PDB file of N, CA and C in Angstrom:
ATOM      1  N   MET A   1     -94.550-119.530 -31.751  1.00  0.00           N
ATOM      2  CA  MET A   1     -93.154-119.485 -31.138  1.00  0.00           C
ATOM      3  C   MET A   1     -92.193-119.176 -32.431  1.00  0.00           C
ATOM      4  N   ALA A   2     -92.524-120.076 -33.574  1.00  0.00           N
ATOM      5  CA  ALA A   2     -91.652-119.311 -34.906  1.00  0.00           C
ATOM      6  C   ALA A   2     -91.847-118.450 -35.311  1.00  0.00           C
ATOM      7  N   ALA A   3     -93.275-117.899 -35.263  1.00  0.00           N
ATOM      8  CA  ALA A   3     -93.740-116.608 -35.865  1.00  0.00           C
ATOM      9  C   ALA A   3     -93.166-115.748 -35.186  1.00  0.00           C
ATOM     10  N   ASN A   4     -93.086-115.429 -33.867  1.00  0.00           N
ATOM     11  CA  ASN A   4     -92.840-114.433 -32.813  1.00  0.00           C
ATOM     12  C   ASN A   4     -91.798-114.252 -32.819  1.00  0.00           C
ATOM     13  N   PHE A   5     -90.717-115.427 -32.557  1.00  0.00           N
ATOM     14  CA  PHE A   5     -89.189-115.578 -32.354  1.00  0.00           C
ATOM     15  C   PHE A   5     -88.512-116.081 -32.979  1.00  0.00           C
ATOM     16  N   GLY A   6     -88.741-116.711 -34.187  1.00  0.00           N
ATOM     17  CA  GLY A   6     -87.899-117.227 -35.029  1.00  0.00           C
ATOM     18  C   GLY A   6     -86.909-116.266 -35.797  1.00  0.00           C
ATOM     19  N   GLN A   7     -87.155-115.435 -35.854  1.00  0.00           N
ATOM     20  CA  GLN A   7     -85.975-114.473 -36.430  1.00  0.00           C
ATOM     21  C   GLN A   7     -85.248-114.109 -35.750  1.00  0.00           C
ATOM     22  N   HIS A   8     -85.288-114.360 -34.666  1.00  0.00           N
ATOM     23  CA  HIS A   8     -84.072-114.257 -33.311  1.00  0.00           C
ATOM     24  C   HIS A   8     -83.406-115.580 -33.222  1.00  0.00           C
ATOM     25  N   LEU A   9     -83.656-116.723 -33.776  1.00  0.00           N
ATOM     26  CA  LEU A   9     -83.075-118.025 -33.313  1.00  0.00           C
ATOM     27  C   LEU A   9     -81.771-118.018 -33.990  1.00  0.00           C
ATOM     28  N   GLU A  10     -81.229-117.761 -34.889  1.00  0.00           N
ATOM     29  CA  GLU A  10     -79.722-117.257 -35.301  1.00  0.00           C
ATOM     30  C   GLU A  10     -78.918-116.686 -34.369  1.00  0.00           C
ATOM     31  N   GLN A  11     -79.147-115.561 -34.077  1.00  0.00           N
ATOM     32  CA  GLN A  11     -78.460-114.621 -33.468  1.00  0.00           C
ATOM     33  C   GLN A  11     -78.557-115.079 -31.776  1.00  0.00           C
ATOM     34  N   PHE A  12     -79.553-115.510 -31.192  1.00  0.00           N
ATOM     35  CA  PHE A  12     -79.780-115.927 -29.995  1.00  0.00           C
ATOM     36  C   PHE A  12     -79.980-116.963 -29.249  1.00  0.00           C
ATOM     37  N   GLU A  13     -79.970-118.207 -30.137  1.00  0.00           N
ATOM     38  CA  GLU A  13     -79.846-119.554 -29.862  1.00  0.00           C
ATOM     39  C   GLU A  13     -79.620-119.700 -28.461  1.00  0.00           C
ATOM     40  N   PRO A  14     -78.145-119.736 -28.795  1.00  0.00           N
ATOM     41  CA  PRO A  14     -76.988-120.073 -27.244  1.00  0.00           C
ATOM     42  C   PRO A  14     -77.765-119.575 -25.950  1.00  0.00           C
ATOM     43  N   GLU A  15     -78.373-118.276 -25.966  1.00  0.00           N
ATOM     44  CA  GLU A  15     -78.850-117.853 -24.857  1.00  0.00           C
ATOM     45  C   GLU A  15     -80.206-118.055 -24.602  1.00  0.00           C
ATOM     46  N   MET A  16     -81.273-118.571 -25.466  1.00  0.00           N
ATOM     47  CA  MET A  16     -82.765-119.082 -25.502  1.00  0.00           C
ATOM     48  C   MET A  16     -82.652-120.872 -24.680  1.00  0.00           C
ATOM     49  N   HIS A  17     -83.752-120.853 -24.115  1.00  0.00           N
ATOM     50  CA  HIS A  17     -84.102-122.349 -23.548  1.00  0.00           C
ATOM     51  C   HIS A  17     -84.318-123.173 -24.292  1.00  0.00           C
ATOM     52  N   PRO A  18     -83.490-124.270 -23.940  1.00  0.00           N
ATOM     53  CA  PRO A  18     -83.881-125.499 -25.057  1.00  0.00           C
ATOM     54  C   PRO A  18     -85.313-125.645 -25.975  1.00  0.00           C
ATOM     55  N   THR A  19     -85.949-125.841 -24.701  1.00  0.00           N
ATOM     56  CA  THR A  19     -87.600-125.549 -25.213  1.00  0.00           C
ATOM     57  C   THR A  19     -87.882-125.165 -26.034  1.00  0.00           C
ATOM     58  N   VAL A  20     -87.662-123.705 -25.750  1.00  0.00           N
ATOM     59  CA  VAL A  20     -88.141-122.288 -26.787  1.00  0.00           C
ATOM     60  C   VAL A  20     -87.390-122.794 -28.271  1.00  0.00           C
ATOM     61  N   VAL A  21     -86.276-123.173 -28.237  1.00  0.00           N
ATOM     62  CA  VAL A  21     -85.177-123.293 -29.378  1.00  0.00           C
ATOM     63  C   VAL A  21     -86.224-124.705 -30.164  1.00  0.00           C
ATOM     64  N   GLN A  22     -86.567-125.429 -29.479  1.00  0.00           N
ATOM     65  CA  GLN A  22     -87.312-126.902 -30.258  1.00  0.00           C
ATOM     66  C   GLN A  22     -88.330-126.375 -30.680  1.00  0.00           C
ATOM     67  N   ALA A  23     -89.519-125.298 -29.927  1.00  0.00           N
ATOM     68  CA  ALA A  23     -90.977-125.263 -30.364  1.00  0.00           C
ATOM     69  C   ALA A  23     -90.257-124.266 -31.641  1.00  0.00           C
ATOM     70  N   ILE A  24     -89.487-123.567 -31.549  1.00  0.00           N
ATOM     71  CA  ILE A  24     -89.309-122.654 -32.835  1.00  0.00           C
ATOM     72  C   ILE A  24     -88.827-123.375 -34.031  1.00  0.00           C
ATOM     73  N   LYS A  25     -88.172-124.477 -33.940  1.00  0.00           N
ATOM     74  CA  LYS A  25     -87.294-125.347 -34.964  1.00  0.00           C
ATOM     75  C   LYS A  25     -88.457-125.847 -35.413  1.00  0.00           C
ATOM     76  N   ARG A  26     -89.508-126.687 -34.501  1.00  0.00           N
ATOM     77  CA  ARG A  26     -90.597-127.114 -35.198  1.00  0.00           C
ATOM     78  C   ARG A  26     -91.823-126.335 -35.990  1.00  0.00           C
ATOM     79  N   GLY A  27     -92.126-125.376 -35.238  1.00  0.00           N
ATOM     80  CA  GLY A  27     -92.682-124.409 -35.894  1.00  0.00           C
ATOM     81  C   GLY A  27     -92.389-124.014 -37.029  1.00  0.00           C
ATOM     82  N   LYS A  28     -91.310-123.858 -37.696  1.00  0.00           N
ATOM     83  CA  LYS A  28     -90.582-123.565 -38.985  1.00  0.00           C
ATOM     84  C   LYS A  28     -90.517-124.870 -39.817  1.00  0.00           C
ATOM     85  N   ALA A  29     -90.706-125.780 -39.258  1.00  0.00           N
ATOM     86  CA  ALA A  29     -91.015-127.198 -40.033  1.00  0.00           C
ATOM     87  C   ALA A  29     -91.906-127.724 -40.582  1.00  0.00           C
ATOM     88  N   ILE A  30     -93.139-127.108 -40.159  1.00  0.00           N
ATOM     89  CA  ILE A  30     -94.445-127.345 -40.224  1.00  0.00           C
ATOM     90  C   ILE A  30     -95.088-126.812 -41.064  1.00  0.00           C
ATOM     91  N   SER A  31     -96.051-126.847 -42.230  1.00  0.00           N
ATOM     92  CA  SER A  31     -96.739-126.600 -43.132  1.00  0.00           C
ATOM     93  C   SER A  31     -98.121-125.355 -42.865  1.00  0.00           C
ATOM     94  N   ALA A  32     -98.615-124.789 -43.726  1.00  0.00           N
ATOM     95  CA  ALA A  32     -99.762-124.005 -43.489  1.00  0.00           C
ATOM     96  C   ALA A  32    -100.925-124.772 -42.855  1.00  0.00           C
ATOM     97  N   VAL A  33    -101.039-126.222 -43.934  1.00  0.00           N
ATOM     98  CA  VAL A  33    -102.166-127.039 -43.576  1.00  0.00           C
ATOM     99  C   VAL A  33    -102.288-127.822 -42.407  1.00  0.00           C
ATOM    100  N   GLU A  34    -100.980-128.150 -41.782  1.00  0.00           N
ATOM    101  CA  GLU A  34    -100.355-128.720 -40.552  1.00  0.00           C
ATOM    102  C   GLU A  34    -100.506-127.731 -39.455  1.00  0.00           C
ATOM    103  N   PHE A  35    -100.454-126.370 -39.646  1.00  0.00           N
ATOM    104  CA  PHE A  35    -100.704-125.443 -38.685  1.00  0.00           C
ATOM    105  C   PHE A  35    -102.238-125.197 -38.764  1.00  0.00           C
ATOM    106  N   ARG A  36    -103.052-125.329 -39.664  1.00  0.00           N
ATOM    107  CA  ARG A  36    -104.705-124.899 -39.483  1.00  0.00           C
ATOM    108  C   ARG A  36    -105.096-126.394 -38.735  1.00  0.00           C
ATOM    109  N   ASN A  37    -105.241-127.125 -39.210  1.00  0.00           N
ATOM    110  CA  ASN A  37    -105.464-128.793 -38.811  1.00  0.00           C
ATOM    111  C   ASN A  37    -104.965-128.683 -36.841  1.00  0.00           C
ATOM    112  N   PHE A  38    -103.846-127.937 -36.574  1.00  0.00           N
ATOM    113  CA  PHE A  38    -103.732-127.512 -35.268  1.00  0.00           C
ATOM    114  C   PHE A  38    -104.738-126.834 -34.564  1.00  0.00           C
ATOM    115  N   GLU A  39    -105.184-125.731 -35.300  1.00  0.00           N
ATOM    116  CA  GLU A  39    -106.127-124.764 -34.938  1.00  0.00           C
ATOM    117  C   GLU A  39    -107.493-125.427 -34.773  1.00  0.00           C
ATOM    118  N   VAL A  40    -107.889-126.465 -35.481  1.00  0.00           N
ATOM    119  CA  VAL A  40    -108.734-127.114 -35.409  1.00  0.00           C
ATOM    120  C   VAL A  40    -109.046-127.809 -34.342  1.00  0.00           C
ATOM    121  N   ILE A  41    -107.767-128.545 -34.227  1.00  0.00           N
ATOM    122  CA  ILE A  41    -107.980-129.231 -33.094  1.00  0.00           C
ATOM    123  C   ILE A  41    -108.059-128.412 -31.320  1.00  0.00           C
ATOM    124  N   PHE A  42    -107.418-127.136 -31.499  1.00  0.00           N
ATOM    125  CA  PHE A  42    -107.191-126.289 -29.862  1.00  0.00           C
ATOM    126  C   PHE A  42    -109.037-125.895 -30.286  1.00  0.00           C
ATOM    127  N   THR A  43    -109.573-125.397 -31.416  1.00  0.00           N
ATOM    128  CA  THR A  43    -110.687-124.983 -30.871  1.00  0.00           C
ATOM    129  C   THR A  43    -111.639-125.828 -30.824  1.00  0.00           C
ATOM    130  N   ARG A  44    -111.621-127.280 -31.013  1.00  0.00           N
ATOM    131  CA  ARG A  44    -112.216-128.303 -30.643  1.00  0.00           C
ATOM    132  C   ARG A  44    -112.237-128.103 -28.807  1.00  0.00           C
ATOM    133  N   ALA A  45    -110.763-127.970 -28.297  1.00  0.00           N
ATOM    134  CA  ALA A  45    -110.717-128.225 -27.033  1.00  0.00           C
ATOM    135  C   ALA A  45    -111.374-126.949 -26.309  1.00  0.00           C
ATOM    136  N   TRP A  46    -111.083-125.869 -26.927  1.00  0.00           N
ATOM    137  CA  TRP A  46    -111.709-124.656 -26.037  1.00  0.00           C
ATOM    138  C   TRP A  46    -113.212-124.642 -25.948  1.00  0.00           C
ATOM    139  N   HIS A  47    -113.912-125.327 -27.424  1.00  0.00           N
ATOM    140  CA  HIS A  47    -115.529-125.404 -27.032  1.00  0.00           C
ATOM    141  C   HIS A  47    -115.624-126.465 -25.872  1.00  0.00           C
ATOM    142  N   LYS A  48    -114.848-127.707 -25.622  1.00  0.00           N
ATOM    143  CA  LYS A  48    -115.211-128.225 -24.909  1.00  0.00           C
ATOM    144  C   LYS A  48    -114.943-127.926 -23.198  1.00  0.00           C
ATOM    145  N   LEU A  49    -114.003-127.111 -23.106  1.00  0.00           N
ATOM    146  CA  LEU A  49    -113.667-126.486 -21.904  1.00  0.00           C
ATOM    147  C   LEU A  49    -114.615-125.208 -21.563  1.00  0.00           C
ATOM    148  N   SER A  50    -114.935-124.776 -22.733  1.00  0.00           N
ATOM    149  CA  SER A  50    -115.664-123.170 -22.188  1.00  0.00           C
ATOM    150  C   SER A  50    -116.949-123.072 -21.319  1.00  0.00           C
ATOM    151  N   PRO A  51    -117.764-124.562 -21.394  1.00  0.00           N
ATOM    152  CA  PRO A  51    -118.880-124.455 -20.339  1.00  0.00           C
ATOM    153  C   PRO A  51    -118.426-124.363 -18.966  1.00  0.00           C
ATOM    154  N   ILE A  52    -117.349-124.877 -18.592  1.00  0.00           N
ATOM    155  CA  ILE A  52    -117.100-125.286 -17.542  1.00  0.00           C
ATOM    156  C   ILE A  52    -116.547-123.752 -16.921  1.00  0.00           C
ATOM    157  N   LEU A  53    -116.019-122.937 -18.048  1.00  0.00           N
ATOM    158  CA  LEU A  53    -115.274-121.118 -17.564  1.00  0.00           C
ATOM    159  C   LEU A  53    -116.535-120.441 -17.387  1.00  0.00           C
ATOM    160  N   THR A  54    -118.010-120.917 -18.252  1.00  0.00           N
ATOM    161  CA  THR A  54    -119.353-120.071 -17.531  1.00  0.00           C
ATOM    162  C   THR A  54    -119.706-120.124 -16.086  1.00  0.00           C
ATOM    163  N   ARG A  55    -119.332-121.036 -15.706  1.00  0.00           N
ATOM    164  CA  ARG A  55    -119.829-121.227 -14.426  1.00  0.00           C
ATOM    165  C   ARG A  55    -118.802-121.347 -13.254  1.00  0.00           C
ATOM    166  N   CYS A  56    -117.426-120.717 -13.443  1.00  0.00           N
ATOM    167  CA  CYS A  56    -116.244-120.736 -12.588  1.00  0.00           C
ATOM    168  C   CYS A  56    -115.950-119.093 -12.774  1.00  0.00           C
ATOM    169  N   ASP A  57    -115.634-118.496 -11.875  1.00  0.00           N
ATOM    170  CA  ASP A  57    -114.838-117.667 -11.756  1.00  0.00           C
ATOM    171  C   ASP A  57    -113.227-117.505 -12.145  1.00  0.00           C
ATOM    172  N   ALA A  58    -112.831-118.632 -12.015  1.00  0.00           N
ATOM    173  CA  ALA A  58    -110.681-118.729 -12.254  1.00  0.00           C
ATOM    174  C   ALA A  58    -110.944-120.480 -12.351  1.00  0.00           C
ATOM    175  N   LEU A  59    -110.187-120.352 -13.165  1.00  0.00           N
ATOM    176  CA  LEU A  59    -109.310-121.733 -13.495  1.00  0.00           C
ATOM    177  C   LEU A  59    -107.825-121.698 -13.396  1.00  0.00           C
ATOM    178  N   ILE A  60    -107.623-122.562 -12.323  1.00  0.00           N
ATOM    179  CA  ILE A  60    -106.020-121.887 -11.905  1.00  0.00           C
ATOM    180  C   ILE A  60    -105.098-123.855 -12.256  1.00  0.00           C
ATOM    181  N   CYS A  61    -104.412-123.649 -13.330  1.00  0.00           N
ATOM    182  CA  CYS A  61    -103.474-124.928 -13.809  1.00  0.00           C
ATOM    183  C   CYS A  61    -102.348-124.136 -13.904  1.00  0.00           C
ATOM    184  N   PRO A  62    -101.185-125.464 -14.128  1.00  0.00           N
ATOM    185  CA  PRO A  62    -100.224-124.953 -14.155  1.00  0.00           C
ATOM    186  C   PRO A  62     -99.835-124.931 -15.857  1.00  0.00           C
ATOM    187  N   THR A  63     -98.935-124.143 -16.044  1.00  0.00           N
ATOM    188  CA  THR A  63     -98.572-123.623 -17.542  1.00  0.00           C
ATOM    189  C   THR A  63     -97.383-124.176 -18.118  1.00  0.00           C
ATOM    190  N   GLU A  64     -96.305-124.165 -16.992  1.00  0.00           N
ATOM    191  CA  GLU A  64     -95.293-124.730 -17.500  1.00  0.00           C
ATOM    192  C   GLU A  64     -94.658-126.128 -16.613  1.00  0.00           C
ATOM    193  N   SER A  65     -93.885-126.585 -17.614  1.00  0.00           N
ATOM    194  CA  SER A  65     -93.534-128.030 -17.012  1.00  0.00           C
ATOM    195  C   SER A  65     -92.235-128.337 -16.003  1.00  0.00           C
ATOM    196  N   ILE A  66     -91.860-127.065 -16.235  1.00  0.00           N
ATOM    197  CA  ILE A  66     -90.250-126.801 -15.901  1.00  0.00           C
ATOM    198  C   ILE A  66     -90.257-125.718 -15.014  1.00  0.00           C
ATOM    199  N   LEU A  67     -89.232-125.339 -13.985  1.00  0.00           N
ATOM    200  CA  LEU A  67     -88.962-124.734 -13.264  1.00  0.00           C
ATOM    201  C   LEU A  67     -88.808-123.373 -13.884  1.00  0.00           C
ATOM    202  N   ALA A  68     -89.327-122.146 -13.558  1.00  0.00           N
ATOM    203  CA  ALA A  68     -88.510-120.707 -13.804  1.00  0.00           C
ATOM    204  C   ALA A  68     -86.804-120.854 -13.594  1.00  0.00           C
ATOM    205  N   SER A  69     -86.359-120.143 -14.049  1.00  0.00           N
ATOM    206  CA  SER A  69     -84.700-120.226 -14.148  1.00  0.00           C
ATOM    207  C   SER A  69     -84.685-118.593 -13.426  1.00  0.00           C
ATOM    208  N   SER A  70     -83.623-118.570 -12.190  1.00  0.00           N
ATOM    209  CA  SER A  70     -83.296-117.676 -11.598  1.00  0.00           C
ATOM    210  C   SER A  70     -82.048-117.232 -12.046  1.00  0.00           C
ATOM    211  N   GLY A  71     -82.010-117.198 -13.040  1.00  0.00           N
ATOM    212  CA  GLY A  71     -80.311-116.416 -13.882  1.00  0.00           C
ATOM    213  C   GLY A  71     -80.982-115.558 -14.920  1.00  0.00           C
ATOM    214  N   LEU A  72     -82.074-115.198 -14.790  1.00  0.00           N
ATOM    215  CA  LEU A  72     -82.450-114.147 -16.039  1.00  0.00           C
ATOM    216  C   LEU A  72     -82.036-112.920 -15.323  1.00  0.00           C
TER     217      LEU A  72
END
């Protein structure tokens, strides 16, 4: 989030969802080493999930823990 939208935070923070703002701020605060460690964890999780995907045509799961805003 920080890499993709961080440059817009100062101008658009009041219009952004608080969860997005929090993700951007957290992303800006981590080091490259921390980021790389997160990548390792993500890769390990992906390797555990990939066998399931080889035997399934689809995997349906929620991606957001909040309801979409209807005011966009």
